[in-house]
Amino acid sequence: MPQFTNAVVYTALTSRLVALPIDNIDTDQIIPARYLKVTDKAGLGEGLFSDWRYHPDGTPRSGFVLNRLENQGAQILLAGDNFGCGSSREHAPWALIGYGFRAIISTSFADIFRNNALKNGLLPICVDAGTTARLLKLVENSPTVELTIDLAAQTLTLPGSEAVIFPVDSFAKTCLLNGLDELNYILSFSDKITAYES
């Protein structure tokens, strides 16, 4: 099957998580508007949460979560409610992926952001407030705690083997599990399309 560029084929992901429990994080906070001039995704990870990550002179803010040593290399972001609200810029999931995130956990996502994320290989996982509170407590008690995401089973497994089931659009799930974008999903049926045209 053809795959989209830099596709992430989801089987299972085990990773530490970064907690950023702020509600209503909008796309301008995820990737400020000054980064939207680029036509290439390369390097957008450097601009992720730029106004929170860096001082005006470009030096890192030591207190920001992404700049902490224990969070380097984490691939799961735990965010507050209504993540990705604001403008429809596709640069937001590009920046998150460019930084290294493969999944975002929140109690809710803005619709356009969620769709853009799924189309670009980033998995938005919606959980209830109780699960979010437990996850925040886990990170607080053990900053290097790891979670396992199994997209095929649609489960988020916490330490102690507690599994939380999360919803995901079935078409998006198929694409993610096969590393396909929408166009390449259609092209995967090219033999049948050709036969029909004939």
C-alpha atoms as a PDB file:
ATOM      1  CA  MET A   1       0.000   0.000   0.000  1.00  0.00           C
ATOM      2  CA  PRO A   2       1.294   3.528  -0.707  1.00  0.00           C
ATOM      3  CA  GLN A   3       2.056   5.618   2.362  1.00  0.00           C
ATOM      4  CA  PHE A   4       2.103   9.355   2.936  1.00  0.00           C
ATOM      5  CA  THR A   5       5.440  11.052   3.566  1.00  0.00           C
ATOM      6  CA  ASN A   6       6.818  10.532   7.094  1.00  0.00           C
ATOM      7  CA  ALA A   7       3.834   8.300   7.859  1.00  0.00           C
ATOM      8  CA  VAL A   8       3.454   6.901  11.339  1.00  0.00           C
ATOM      9  CA  VAL A   9       2.024   3.400  11.197  1.00  0.00           C
ATOM     10  CA  TYR A  10       0.358   2.926  14.557  1.00  0.00           C
ATOM     11  CA  THR A  11       0.701  -0.439  16.249  1.00  0.00           C
ATOM     12  CA  ALA A  12       1.462   0.336  19.889  1.00  0.00           C
ATOM     13  CA  LEU A  13       3.295   3.269  21.432  1.00  0.00           C
ATOM     14  CA  THR A  14       4.876   3.264  24.885  1.00  0.00           C
ATOM     15  CA  SER A  15       6.209   6.612  26.027  1.00  0.00           C
ATOM     16  CA  ARG A  16       6.577   9.078  28.834  1.00  0.00           C
ATOM     17  CA  LEU A  17       4.145  11.972  28.746  1.00  0.00           C
ATOM     18  CA  VAL A  18       4.459  15.721  29.148  1.00  0.00           C
ATOM     19  CA  ALA A  19       1.733  17.391  31.205  1.00  0.00           C
ATOM     20  CA  LEU A  20       0.530  20.830  30.090  1.00  0.00           C
ATOM     21  CA  PRO A  21      -2.787  21.076  31.995  1.00  0.00           C
ATOM     22  CA  ILE A  22      -3.972  24.386  30.543  1.00  0.00           C
ATOM     23  CA  ASP A  23      -7.484  24.702  29.123  1.00  0.00           C
ATOM     24  CA  ASN A  24      -8.240  26.315  25.760  1.00  0.00           C
ATOM     25  CA  ILE A  25      -4.727  26.101  24.305  1.00  0.00           C
ATOM     26  CA  ASP A  26      -5.306  27.627  20.891  1.00  0.00           C
ATOM     27  CA  THR A  27      -3.433  27.109  17.656  1.00  0.00           C
ATOM     28  CA  ASP A  28      -1.664  30.470  17.967  1.00  0.00           C
ATOM     29  CA  GLN A  29      -0.148  29.293  21.232  1.00  0.00           C
ATOM     30  CA  ILE A  30       0.751  25.945  19.676  1.00  0.00           C
ATOM     31  CA  ILE A  31       2.497  27.631  16.728  1.00  0.00           C
ATOM     32  CA  PRO A  32       2.501  31.459  16.577  1.00  0.00           C
ATOM     33  CA  ALA A  33       1.346  33.169  13.379  1.00  0.00           C
ATOM     34  CA  ARG A  34       4.865  34.336  12.450  1.00  0.00           C
ATOM     35  CA  TYR A  35       5.725  30.703  11.614  1.00  0.00           C
ATOM     36  CA  LEU A  36       2.921  30.387   9.071  1.00  0.00           C
ATOM     37  CA  LYS A  37       4.940  31.935   6.253  1.00  0.00           C
ATOM     38  CA  VAL A  38       6.791  28.681   5.648  1.00  0.00           C
ATOM     39  CA  THR A  39       5.680  26.267   2.940  1.00  0.00           C
ATOM     40  CA  ASP A  40       7.670  23.351   4.357  1.00  0.00           C
ATOM     41  CA  LYS A  41       6.954  21.412   7.559  1.00  0.00           C
ATOM     42  CA  ALA A  42      10.659  21.013   8.301  1.00  0.00           C
ATOM     43  CA  GLY A  43      11.773  22.824  11.429  1.00  0.00           C
ATOM     44  CA  LEU A  44       8.284  23.697  12.705  1.00  0.00           C
ATOM     45  CA  GLY A  45       8.935  21.662  15.847  1.00  0.00           C
ATOM     46  CA  GLU A  46      11.337  24.406  16.937  1.00  0.00           C
ATOM     47  CA  GLY A  47       8.446  26.847  16.943  1.00  0.00           C
ATOM     48  CA  LEU A  48       6.117  24.667  19.034  1.00  0.00           C
ATOM     49  CA  PHE A  49       4.791  26.726  21.973  1.00  0.00           C
ATOM     50  CA  SER A  50       7.482  29.230  21.041  1.00  0.00           C
ATOM     51  CA  ASP A  51       6.147  32.123  23.107  1.00  0.00           C
ATOM     52  CA  TRP A  52       5.997  29.895  26.183  1.00  0.00           C
ATOM     53  CA  ARG A  53       9.236  28.007  25.507  1.00  0.00           C
ATOM     54  CA  TYR A  54      11.598  30.899  24.857  1.00  0.00           C
ATOM     55  CA  HIS A  55      12.461  34.318  26.220  1.00  0.00           C
ATOM     56  CA  PRO A  56      12.304  37.209  23.696  1.00  0.00           C
ATOM     57  CA  ASP A  57      16.062  36.794  23.117  1.00  0.00           C
ATOM     58  CA  GLY A  58      15.536  33.151  22.095  1.00  0.00           C
ATOM     59  CA  THR A  59      16.932  31.503  25.204  1.00  0.00           C
ATOM     60  CA  PRO A  60      14.835  28.676  26.706  1.00  0.00           C
ATOM     61  CA  ARG A  61      12.579  29.399  29.689  1.00  0.00           C
ATOM     62  CA  SER A  62      13.810  26.919  32.304  1.00  0.00           C
ATOM     63  CA  GLY A  63      10.381  26.527  33.921  1.00  0.00           C
ATOM     64  CA  PHE A  64       8.494  25.494  30.792  1.00  0.00           C
ATOM     65  CA  VAL A  65       7.667  21.777  30.644  1.00  0.00           C
ATOM     66  CA  LEU A  66       9.212  21.086  27.227  1.00  0.00           C
ATOM     67  CA  ASN A  67      12.524  22.496  28.435  1.00  0.00           C
ATOM     68  CA  ARG A  68      12.816  20.151  31.420  1.00  0.00           C
ATOM     69  CA  LEU A  69      15.354  17.355  31.077  1.00  0.00           C
ATOM     70  CA  GLU A  70      12.962  14.600  32.200  1.00  0.00           C
ATOM     71  CA  ASN A  71      10.556  15.486  29.387  1.00  0.00           C
ATOM     72  CA  GLN A  72      13.016  15.232  26.515  1.00  0.00           C
ATOM     73  CA  GLY A  73      11.964  12.557  24.041  1.00  0.00           C
ATOM     74  CA  ALA A  74       8.430  12.137  25.423  1.00  0.00           C
ATOM     75  CA  GLN A  75       5.939  11.405  22.623  1.00  0.00           C
ATOM     76  CA  ILE A  76       2.630  11.945  24.440  1.00  0.00           C
ATOM     77  CA  LEU A  77       1.248  15.340  25.463  1.00  0.00           C
ATOM     78  CA  LEU A  78      -1.367  15.576  28.231  1.00  0.00           C
ATOM     79  CA  ALA A  79      -3.244  18.837  27.753  1.00  0.00           C
ATOM     80  CA  GLY A  80      -6.179  20.701  29.263  1.00  0.00           C
ATOM     81  CA  ASP A  81      -9.714  20.874  27.908  1.00  0.00           C
ATOM     82  CA  ASN A  82     -10.585  22.191  24.409  1.00  0.00           C
ATOM     83  CA  PHE A  83      -7.114  21.699  22.981  1.00  0.00           C
ATOM     84  CA  GLY A  84      -6.424  23.174  19.535  1.00  0.00           C
ATOM     85  CA  CYS A  85      -9.164  25.807  19.499  1.00  0.00           C
ATOM     86  CA  GLY A  86      -8.762  29.018  17.493  1.00  0.00           C
ATOM     87  CA  SER A  87      -7.725  29.218  13.856  1.00  0.00           C
ATOM     88  CA  SER A  88      -7.718  26.254  11.494  1.00  0.00           C
ATOM     89  CA  ARG A  89      -3.973  26.301  10.751  1.00  0.00           C
ATOM     90  CA  GLU A  90      -2.645  22.884   9.803  1.00  0.00           C
ATOM     91  CA  HIS A  91       0.746  24.078  11.041  1.00  0.00           C
ATOM     92  CA  ALA A  92      -0.392  23.230  14.600  1.00  0.00           C
ATOM     93  CA  PRO A  93      -0.294  19.429  14.187  1.00  0.00           C
ATOM     94  CA  TRP A  94       2.770  19.816  11.946  1.00  0.00           C
ATOM     95  CA  ALA A  95       4.605  21.555  14.796  1.00  0.00           C
ATOM     96  CA  LEU A  96       3.544  18.958  17.360  1.00  0.00           C
ATOM     97  CA  ILE A  97       4.670  16.127  15.079  1.00  0.00           C
ATOM     98  CA  GLY A  98       7.860  17.989  14.199  1.00  0.00           C
ATOM     99  CA  TYR A  99       8.708  18.213  17.882  1.00  0.00           C
ATOM    100  CA  GLY A 100       8.192  14.471  18.286  1.00  0.00           C
ATOM    101  CA  PHE A 101       4.694  14.055  19.686  1.00  0.00           C
ATOM    102  CA  ARG A 102       2.645  11.158  18.328  1.00  0.00           C
ATOM    103  CA  ALA A 103      -0.428  11.532  20.539  1.00  0.00           C
ATOM    104  CA  ILE A 104      -2.273  14.248  22.472  1.00  0.00           C
ATOM    105  CA  ILE A 105      -4.548  13.434  25.413  1.00  0.00           C
ATOM    106  CA  SER A 106      -7.310  15.870  26.387  1.00  0.00           C
ATOM    107  CA  THR A 107     -10.900  15.897  27.601  1.00  0.00           C
ATOM    108  CA  SER A 108     -11.900  17.577  24.316  1.00  0.00           C
ATOM    109  CA  PHE A 109     -10.436  18.872  21.059  1.00  0.00           C
ATOM    110  CA  ALA A 110     -11.508  21.585  18.643  1.00  0.00           C
ATOM    111  CA  ASP A 111     -13.070  19.829  15.648  1.00  0.00           C
ATOM    112  CA  ILE A 112     -10.804  21.329  12.979  1.00  0.00           C
ATOM    113  CA  PHE A 113      -7.656  20.630  14.987  1.00  0.00           C
ATOM    114  CA  ARG A 114      -8.739  17.020  15.601  1.00  0.00           C
ATOM    115  CA  ASN A 115      -9.366  16.447  11.898  1.00  0.00           C
ATOM    116  CA  ASN A 116      -6.076  18.091  10.895  1.00  0.00           C
ATOM    117  CA  ALA A 117      -4.219  15.986  13.456  1.00  0.00           C
ATOM    118  CA  LEU A 118      -5.693  12.702  12.238  1.00  0.00           C
ATOM    119  CA  LYS A 119      -4.941  13.584   8.607  1.00  0.00           C
ATOM    120  CA  ASN A 120      -1.296  14.183   9.498  1.00  0.00           C
ATOM    121  CA  GLY A 121      -0.582  11.097  11.605  1.00  0.00           C
ATOM    122  CA  LEU A 122      -1.095  12.655  15.059  1.00  0.00           C
ATOM    123  CA  LEU A 123      -3.538  10.798  17.335  1.00  0.00           C
ATOM    124  CA  PRO A 124      -5.891  12.930  19.494  1.00  0.00           C
ATOM    125  CA  ILE A 125      -7.124  10.843  22.427  1.00  0.00           C
ATOM    126  CA  CYS A 126     -10.238  12.034  24.239  1.00  0.00           C
ATOM    127  CA  VAL A 127     -10.645  10.870  27.856  1.00  0.00           C
ATOM    128  CA  ASP A 128     -12.909  11.874  30.717  1.00  0.00           C
ATOM    129  CA  ALA A 129     -11.995  14.352  33.443  1.00  0.00           C
ATOM    130  CA  GLY A 130     -11.407  11.583  35.981  1.00  0.00           C
ATOM    131  CA  THR A 131      -8.812   9.894  33.755  1.00  0.00           C
ATOM    132  CA  THR A 132      -7.116  13.241  33.145  1.00  0.00           C
ATOM    133  CA  ALA A 133      -6.903  13.855  36.896  1.00  0.00           C
ATOM    134  CA  ARG A 134      -5.360  10.396  37.449  1.00  0.00           C
ATOM    135  CA  LEU A 135      -2.821  10.992  34.700  1.00  0.00           C
ATOM    136  CA  LEU A 136      -1.848  14.376  36.130  1.00  0.00           C
ATOM    137  CA  LYS A 137      -1.370  12.767  39.547  1.00  0.00           C
ATOM    138  CA  LEU A 138       0.766  10.026  38.005  1.00  0.00           C
ATOM    139  CA  VAL A 139       3.065  12.563  36.328  1.00  0.00           C
ATOM    140  CA  GLU A 140       3.243  14.630  39.498  1.00  0.00           C
ATOM    141  CA  ASN A 141       4.303  11.594  41.544  1.00  0.00           C
ATOM    142  CA  SER A 142       6.572  10.090  38.880  1.00  0.00           C
ATOM    143  CA  PRO A 143       7.691  12.438  36.063  1.00  0.00           C
ATOM    144  CA  THR A 144       9.085   9.529  34.023  1.00  0.00           C
ATOM    145  CA  VAL A 145       5.898   7.425  34.153  1.00  0.00           C
ATOM    146  CA  GLU A 146       5.060   5.676  30.861  1.00  0.00           C
ATOM    147  CA  LEU A 147       1.754   4.942  29.146  1.00  0.00           C
ATOM    148  CA  THR A 148       0.984   2.540  26.310  1.00  0.00           C
ATOM    149  CA  ILE A 149      -1.331   3.489  23.456  1.00  0.00           C
ATOM    150  CA  ASP A 150      -2.744   0.687  21.335  1.00  0.00           C
ATOM    151  CA  LEU A 151      -4.687   2.215  18.471  1.00  0.00           C
ATOM    152  CA  ALA A 152      -5.873  -1.127  17.092  1.00  0.00           C
ATOM    153  CA  ALA A 153      -7.518  -1.924  20.440  1.00  0.00           C
ATOM    154  CA  GLN A 154      -8.296   1.757  21.109  1.00  0.00           C
ATOM    155  CA  THR A 155      -6.827   1.511  24.604  1.00  0.00           C
ATOM    156  CA  LEU A 156      -4.656   3.720  26.757  1.00  0.00           C
ATOM    157  CA  THR A 157      -2.913   1.553  29.363  1.00  0.00           C
ATOM    158  CA  LEU A 158      -1.791   3.117  32.623  1.00  0.00           C
ATOM    159  CA  PRO A 159       0.779   1.674  35.040  1.00  0.00           C
ATOM    160  CA  GLY A 160      -0.764  -1.287  36.825  1.00  0.00           C
ATOM    161  CA  SER A 161      -2.388  -2.431  33.568  1.00  0.00           C
ATOM    162  CA  GLU A 162      -5.499  -0.269  33.900  1.00  0.00           C
ATOM    163  CA  ALA A 163      -6.816   0.173  30.348  1.00  0.00           C
ATOM    164  CA  VAL A 164      -8.952   3.130  29.286  1.00  0.00           C
ATOM    165  CA  ILE A 165     -10.886   2.797  26.031  1.00  0.00           C
ATOM    166  CA  PHE A 166     -10.917   5.864  23.795  1.00  0.00           C
ATOM    167  CA  PRO A 167     -13.012   6.682  20.708  1.00  0.00           C
ATOM    168  CA  VAL A 168     -11.553   7.268  17.256  1.00  0.00           C
ATOM    169  CA  ASP A 169     -13.125   7.723  13.831  1.00  0.00           C
ATOM    170  CA  SER A 170     -13.028   4.351  12.039  1.00  0.00           C
ATOM    171  CA  PHE A 171     -11.775   5.763   8.719  1.00  0.00           C
ATOM    172  CA  ALA A 172      -9.021   7.756  10.434  1.00  0.00           C
ATOM    173  CA  LYS A 173      -8.078   4.656  12.416  1.00  0.00           C
ATOM    174  CA  THR A 174      -7.727   2.610   9.222  1.00  0.00           C
ATOM    175  CA  CYS A 175      -5.527   5.292   7.669  1.00  0.00           C
ATOM    176  CA  LEU A 176      -3.296   5.591  10.746  1.00  0.00           C
ATOM    177  CA  LEU A 177      -2.884   1.839  11.136  1.00  0.00           C
ATOM    178  CA  ASN A 178      -1.789   1.605   7.490  1.00  0.00           C
ATOM    179  CA  GLY A 179       0.200   4.844   7.276  1.00  0.00           C
ATOM    180  CA  LEU A 180      -2.139   6.295   4.648  1.00  0.00           C
ATOM    181  CA  ASP A 181      -3.522   9.727   3.930  1.00  0.00           C
ATOM    182  CA  GLU A 182      -6.935  10.128   2.258  1.00  0.00           C
ATOM    183  CA  LEU A 183      -5.537  10.280  -1.269  1.00  0.00           C
ATOM    184  CA  ASN A 184      -3.371   7.217  -0.857  1.00  0.00           C
ATOM    185  CA  TYR A 185      -6.303   5.356   0.695  1.00  0.00           C
ATOM    186  CA  ILE A 186      -8.220   5.963  -2.533  1.00  0.00           C
ATOM    187  CA  LEU A 187      -5.170   5.028  -4.615  1.00  0.00           C
ATOM    188  CA  SER A 188      -4.945   1.718  -2.750  1.00  0.00           C
ATOM    189  CA  PHE A 189      -8.069   0.753  -4.720  1.00  0.00           C
ATOM    190  CA  SER A 190      -6.520   1.760  -8.064  1.00  0.00           C
ATOM    191  CA  ASP A 191      -6.942  -1.742  -9.540  1.00  0.00           C
ATOM    192  CA  LYS A 192     -10.678  -1.693  -8.800  1.00  0.00           C
ATOM    193  CA  ILE A 193     -10.979   1.892 -10.091  1.00  0.00           C
ATOM    194  CA  THR A 194      -9.227   0.933 -13.328  1.00  0.00           C
ATOM    195  CA  ALA A 195     -11.422  -2.144 -13.712  1.00  0.00           C
ATOM    196  CA  TYR A 196     -14.544  -0.057 -13.177  1.00  0.00           C
ATOM    197  CA  GLU A 197     -13.411   2.560 -15.723  1.00  0.00           C
ATOM    198  CA  SER A 198     -12.714  -0.189 -18.239  1.00  0.00           C
END
